[in-house]
Amino acid sequence: MASPTRRYARAFAEVIAEHKVPPDTMVAELEQMAALVEGSHELGNVLGNPAVEHDQKIALLDAIIARTGANRLLRNLVAVLIDHKRINHIGEIAAQFKQELDERMG
């Protein structure tokens, strides 16, 4: 059985393939988002804190996406991670996503 991080990585790989987004671009954007979340204790706490309203988390996410110019697909992945209380695994998912793409590309 695949781990949750592998399932998210595999699903995200399917989505970017379906939308024909360059894999290198998405790897870079996901790694950048993971670095932001993991590099800022405050940001990680806000996005992972159940006491913070969902709408506030999504508004913060949208502001980050707008500021970084990241792809909407990345925004949707991070929103799902927030919704499923998996945002603290974003670094693992980024690493697994990169591995998934490497395996697909040979």
N, C-alpha and C. Protein backbone atom coordinates (compact mmCIF):
# COMPACT_ATOMS: atom_id res chain seq x y z
N MET A 1 0.85 -1.19 0.00
CA MET A 1 0.00 0.00 0.00
C MET A 1 0.89 1.25 0.00
N ALA A 2 0.54 2.21 -0.84
CA ALA A 2 1.34 3.43 -0.96
C ALA A 2 1.11 4.33 0.25
N SER A 3 2.18 5.01 0.62
CA SER A 3 2.07 5.95 1.73
C SER A 3 1.25 7.15 1.28
N PRO A 4 0.71 7.92 2.22
CA PRO A 4 -0.05 9.11 1.84
C PRO A 4 0.79 10.09 1.01
N THR A 5 2.06 10.26 1.36
CA THR A 5 2.88 11.19 0.59
C THR A 5 3.04 10.72 -0.85
N ARG A 6 3.20 9.42 -1.02
CA ARG A 6 3.34 8.88 -2.38
C ARG A 6 2.03 9.03 -3.17
N ARG A 7 0.91 8.84 -2.51
CA ARG A 7 -0.38 9.00 -3.20
C ARG A 7 -0.58 10.44 -3.67
N TYR A 8 -0.26 11.40 -2.80
CA TYR A 8 -0.38 12.81 -3.20
C TYR A 8 0.58 13.12 -4.35
N ALA A 9 1.81 12.64 -4.25
CA ALA A 9 2.80 12.88 -5.30
C ALA A 9 2.36 12.28 -6.62
N ARG A 10 1.88 11.06 -6.57
CA ARG A 10 1.43 10.37 -7.79
C ARG A 10 0.23 11.10 -8.40
N ALA A 11 -0.72 11.48 -7.57
CA ALA A 11 -1.89 12.20 -8.07
C ALA A 11 -1.51 13.54 -8.69
N PHE A 12 -0.58 14.24 -8.05
CA PHE A 12 -0.14 15.53 -8.59
C PHE A 12 0.59 15.34 -9.91
N ALA A 13 1.37 14.29 -10.03
CA ALA A 13 2.05 13.99 -11.29
C ALA A 13 1.03 13.73 -12.40
N GLU A 14 -0.04 13.02 -12.06
CA GLU A 14 -1.10 12.77 -13.04
C GLU A 14 -1.75 14.08 -13.50
N VAL A 15 -2.01 14.96 -12.55
CA VAL A 15 -2.66 16.23 -12.87
C VAL A 15 -1.78 17.08 -13.78
N ILE A 16 -0.50 17.19 -13.47
CA ILE A 16 0.35 18.03 -14.32
C ILE A 16 0.55 17.42 -15.70
N ALA A 17 0.56 16.08 -15.78
CA ALA A 17 0.66 15.43 -17.08
C ALA A 17 -0.60 15.71 -17.90
N GLU A 18 -1.74 15.62 -17.24
CA GLU A 18 -3.02 15.88 -17.91
C GLU A 18 -3.10 17.31 -18.44
N HIS A 19 -2.56 18.26 -17.68
CA HIS A 19 -2.60 19.67 -18.07
C HIS A 19 -1.38 20.10 -18.88
N LYS A 20 -0.49 19.14 -19.15
CA LYS A 20 0.70 19.38 -19.97
C LYS A 20 1.56 20.52 -19.44
N VAL A 21 1.75 20.54 -18.12
CA VAL A 21 2.60 21.53 -17.47
C VAL A 21 4.02 20.97 -17.45
N PRO A 22 5.03 21.78 -17.77
CA PRO A 22 6.41 21.28 -17.73
C PRO A 22 6.77 20.75 -16.34
N PRO A 23 7.21 19.51 -16.25
CA PRO A 23 7.52 18.91 -14.95
C PRO A 23 8.56 19.69 -14.15
N ASP A 24 9.59 20.19 -14.83
CA ASP A 24 10.63 20.93 -14.11
C ASP A 24 10.08 22.17 -13.43
N THR A 25 9.14 22.82 -14.09
CA THR A 25 8.51 24.01 -13.51
C THR A 25 7.76 23.65 -12.24
N MET A 26 7.01 22.56 -12.28
CA MET A 26 6.22 22.18 -11.10
C MET A 26 7.10 21.68 -9.97
N VAL A 27 8.18 20.99 -10.30
CA VAL A 27 9.12 20.56 -9.25
C VAL A 27 9.66 21.79 -8.54
N ALA A 28 10.11 22.78 -9.32
CA ALA A 28 10.68 23.99 -8.74
C ALA A 28 9.65 24.74 -7.88
N GLU A 29 8.43 24.86 -8.38
CA GLU A 29 7.40 25.58 -7.64
C GLU A 29 7.00 24.84 -6.36
N LEU A 30 6.88 23.52 -6.44
CA LEU A 30 6.53 22.74 -5.25
C LEU A 30 7.66 22.80 -4.23
N GLU A 31 8.89 22.70 -4.69
CA GLU A 31 10.02 22.79 -3.76
C GLU A 31 10.09 24.17 -3.11
N GLN A 32 9.78 25.22 -3.88
CA GLN A 32 9.77 26.57 -3.34
C GLN A 32 8.68 26.70 -2.26
N MET A 33 7.50 26.16 -2.54
CA MET A 33 6.41 26.23 -1.56
C MET A 33 6.77 25.43 -0.31
N ALA A 34 7.36 24.26 -0.50
CA ALA A 34 7.77 23.45 0.65
C ALA A 34 8.81 24.21 1.48
N ALA A 35 9.74 24.87 0.82
CA ALA A 35 10.75 25.65 1.55
C ALA A 35 10.12 26.80 2.32
N LEU A 36 9.11 27.43 1.74
CA LEU A 36 8.40 28.51 2.45
C LEU A 36 7.71 27.99 3.70
N VAL A 37 6.98 26.91 3.54
CA VAL A 37 6.21 26.36 4.66
C VAL A 37 7.13 25.81 5.74
N GLU A 38 8.14 25.07 5.32
CA GLU A 38 9.05 24.47 6.28
C GLU A 38 10.05 25.47 6.86
N GLY A 39 10.32 26.52 6.10
CA GLY A 39 11.29 27.52 6.54
C GLY A 39 10.72 28.57 7.47
N SER A 40 9.43 28.67 7.51
CA SER A 40 8.78 29.65 8.37
C SER A 40 7.91 28.92 9.40
N HIS A 41 8.39 28.91 10.61
CA HIS A 41 7.65 28.25 11.68
C HIS A 41 6.24 28.85 11.81
N GLU A 42 6.16 30.17 11.66
CA GLU A 42 4.86 30.84 11.80
C GLU A 42 3.90 30.43 10.68
N LEU A 43 4.41 30.40 9.45
CA LEU A 43 3.55 30.02 8.32
C LEU A 43 3.07 28.59 8.47
N GLY A 44 3.96 27.69 8.82
CA GLY A 44 3.57 26.30 9.03
C GLY A 44 2.53 26.15 10.12
N ASN A 45 2.70 26.93 11.18
CA ASN A 45 1.73 26.88 12.28
C ASN A 45 0.36 27.39 11.86
N VAL A 46 0.34 28.49 11.12
CA VAL A 46 -0.94 29.05 10.69
C VAL A 46 -1.67 28.08 9.76
N LEU A 47 -0.95 27.54 8.76
CA LEU A 47 -1.59 26.66 7.78
C LEU A 47 -2.00 25.32 8.38
N GLY A 48 -1.31 24.90 9.42
CA GLY A 48 -1.63 23.62 10.04
C GLY A 48 -2.48 23.69 11.29
N ASN A 49 -2.78 24.89 11.75
CA ASN A 49 -3.49 25.08 13.01
C ASN A 49 -5.01 24.95 12.80
N PRO A 50 -5.65 24.00 13.46
CA PRO A 50 -7.10 23.86 13.30
C PRO A 50 -7.89 25.03 13.88
N ALA A 51 -7.27 25.83 14.72
CA ALA A 51 -7.97 26.99 15.31
C ALA A 51 -8.07 28.15 14.33
N VAL A 52 -7.24 28.15 13.29
CA VAL A 52 -7.30 29.20 12.28
C VAL A 52 -8.37 28.84 11.26
N GLU A 53 -9.24 29.81 10.98
CA GLU A 53 -10.34 29.58 10.03
C GLU A 53 -9.82 29.14 8.66
N HIS A 54 -10.52 28.19 8.07
CA HIS A 54 -10.15 27.67 6.75
C HIS A 54 -10.05 28.79 5.72
N ASP A 55 -11.01 29.71 5.72
CA ASP A 55 -11.00 30.80 4.75
C ASP A 55 -9.75 31.67 4.90
N GLN A 56 -9.28 31.85 6.12
CA GLN A 56 -8.07 32.63 6.35
C GLN A 56 -6.84 31.90 5.79
N LYS A 57 -6.80 30.59 5.99
CA LYS A 57 -5.69 29.81 5.46
C LYS A 57 -5.64 29.90 3.93
N ILE A 58 -6.80 29.77 3.31
CA ILE A 58 -6.87 29.80 1.85
C ILE A 58 -6.53 31.20 1.33
N ALA A 59 -6.98 32.23 2.03
CA ALA A 59 -6.64 33.60 1.63
C ALA A 59 -5.13 33.82 1.71
N LEU A 60 -4.50 33.30 2.76
CA LEU A 60 -3.05 33.39 2.89
C LEU A 60 -2.37 32.62 1.76
N LEU A 61 -2.85 31.43 1.50
CA LEU A 61 -2.31 30.64 0.39
C LEU A 61 -2.43 31.38 -0.92
N ASP A 62 -3.59 31.96 -1.20
CA ASP A 62 -3.80 32.69 -2.44
C ASP A 62 -2.85 33.89 -2.54
N ALA A 63 -2.59 34.56 -1.43
CA ALA A 63 -1.66 35.68 -1.43
C ALA A 63 -0.23 35.20 -1.75
N ILE A 64 0.14 34.07 -1.20
CA ILE A 64 1.47 33.51 -1.48
C ILE A 64 1.57 33.13 -2.95
N ILE A 65 0.55 32.48 -3.47
CA ILE A 65 0.55 32.07 -4.88
C ILE A 65 0.63 33.30 -5.79
N ALA A 66 -0.13 34.33 -5.47
CA ALA A 66 -0.09 35.56 -6.28
C ALA A 66 1.29 36.20 -6.23
N ARG A 67 1.88 36.23 -5.06
CA ARG A 67 3.19 36.86 -4.90
C ARG A 67 4.30 36.08 -5.61
N THR A 68 4.22 34.75 -5.56
CA THR A 68 5.26 33.94 -6.18
C THR A 68 5.00 33.69 -7.66
N GLY A 69 3.76 33.90 -8.10
CA GLY A 69 3.41 33.64 -9.49
C GLY A 69 3.31 32.15 -9.80
N ALA A 70 3.10 31.35 -8.77
CA ALA A 70 3.04 29.90 -8.94
C ALA A 70 1.78 29.49 -9.70
N ASN A 71 1.85 28.31 -10.25
CA ASN A 71 0.77 27.73 -11.04
C ASN A 71 -0.46 27.45 -10.17
N ARG A 72 -1.61 27.60 -10.76
CA ARG A 72 -2.88 27.34 -10.07
C ARG A 72 -2.98 25.88 -9.60
N LEU A 73 -2.38 24.97 -10.34
CA LEU A 73 -2.40 23.57 -9.94
C LEU A 73 -1.67 23.36 -8.62
N LEU A 74 -0.59 24.10 -8.42
CA LEU A 74 0.13 24.02 -7.15
C LEU A 74 -0.76 24.57 -6.03
N ARG A 75 -1.43 25.65 -6.30
CA ARG A 75 -2.35 26.23 -5.31
C ARG A 75 -3.40 25.19 -4.90
N ASN A 76 -3.92 24.48 -5.87
CA ASN A 76 -4.94 23.47 -5.57
C ASN A 76 -4.38 22.32 -4.74
N LEU A 77 -3.16 21.88 -5.06
CA LEU A 77 -2.54 20.83 -4.27
C LEU A 77 -2.36 21.28 -2.82
N VAL A 78 -1.83 22.47 -2.63
CA VAL A 78 -1.58 22.96 -1.26
C VAL A 78 -2.91 23.13 -0.52
N ALA A 79 -3.94 23.58 -1.21
CA ALA A 79 -5.26 23.70 -0.58
C ALA A 79 -5.77 22.32 -0.12
N VAL A 80 -5.55 21.30 -0.92
CA VAL A 80 -5.95 19.94 -0.54
C VAL A 80 -5.15 19.48 0.68
N LEU A 81 -3.85 19.78 0.68
CA LEU A 81 -3.02 19.42 1.83
C LEU A 81 -3.51 20.11 3.10
N ILE A 82 -3.90 21.36 2.98
CA ILE A 82 -4.45 22.09 4.12
C ILE A 82 -5.76 21.43 4.56
N ASP A 83 -6.64 21.17 3.61
CA ASP A 83 -7.94 20.58 3.92
C ASP A 83 -7.81 19.22 4.60
N HIS A 84 -6.83 18.43 4.18
CA HIS A 84 -6.65 17.08 4.71
C HIS A 84 -5.64 17.00 5.85
N LYS A 85 -5.26 18.19 6.34
CA LYS A 85 -4.33 18.28 7.47
C LYS A 85 -3.02 17.56 7.19
N ARG A 86 -2.50 17.77 5.98
CA ARG A 86 -1.24 17.14 5.57
C ARG A 86 -0.19 18.18 5.17
N ILE A 87 -0.44 19.45 5.45
CA ILE A 87 0.48 20.50 5.03
C ILE A 87 1.87 20.30 5.64
N ASN A 88 1.94 19.70 6.81
CA ASN A 88 3.24 19.49 7.43
C ASN A 88 4.06 18.42 6.70
N HIS A 89 3.48 17.75 5.72
CA HIS A 89 4.18 16.74 4.92
C HIS A 89 4.59 17.27 3.55
N ILE A 90 4.48 18.57 3.34
CA ILE A 90 4.72 19.11 2.00
C ILE A 90 6.14 18.86 1.50
N GLY A 91 7.12 18.88 2.38
CA GLY A 91 8.49 18.60 1.97
C GLY A 91 8.66 17.17 1.49
N GLU A 92 8.06 16.24 2.22
CA GLU A 92 8.11 14.83 1.83
C GLU A 92 7.38 14.61 0.51
N ILE A 93 6.27 15.29 0.34
CA ILE A 93 5.50 15.17 -0.90
C ILE A 93 6.29 15.73 -2.07
N ALA A 94 6.98 16.85 -1.86
CA ALA A 94 7.82 17.42 -2.92
C ALA A 94 8.91 16.45 -3.34
N ALA A 95 9.57 15.83 -2.37
CA ALA A 95 10.63 14.86 -2.68
C ALA A 95 10.06 13.65 -3.40
N GLN A 96 8.92 13.18 -2.94
CA GLN A 96 8.28 12.01 -3.57
C GLN A 96 7.79 12.36 -4.98
N PHE A 97 7.30 13.58 -5.17
CA PHE A 97 6.84 14.05 -6.48
C PHE A 97 8.00 14.05 -7.47
N LYS A 98 9.14 14.55 -7.04
CA LYS A 98 10.31 14.58 -7.90
C LYS A 98 10.72 13.15 -8.27
N GLN A 99 10.70 12.26 -7.30
CA GLN A 99 11.03 10.86 -7.56
C GLN A 99 10.03 10.22 -8.52
N GLU A 100 8.77 10.53 -8.33
CA GLU A 100 7.72 10.00 -9.21
C GLU A 100 7.96 10.44 -10.66
N LEU A 101 8.30 11.71 -10.85
CA LEU A 101 8.57 12.21 -12.20
C LEU A 101 9.81 11.56 -12.78
N ASP A 102 10.84 11.38 -11.96
CA ASP A 102 12.06 10.72 -12.44
C ASP A 102 11.76 9.31 -12.93
N GLU A 103 10.93 8.58 -12.18
CA GLU A 103 10.56 7.22 -12.57
C GLU A 103 9.76 7.21 -13.86
N ARG A 104 8.88 8.19 -14.02
CA ARG A 104 8.06 8.25 -15.24
C ARG A 104 8.89 8.60 -16.46
N MET A 105 9.92 9.42 -16.26
CA MET A 105 10.72 9.89 -17.38
C MET A 105 11.91 8.97 -17.65
N GLY A 106 12.07 7.96 -16.82
CA GLY A 106 13.15 7.01 -17.02
C GLY A 106 14.43 7.56 -16.49
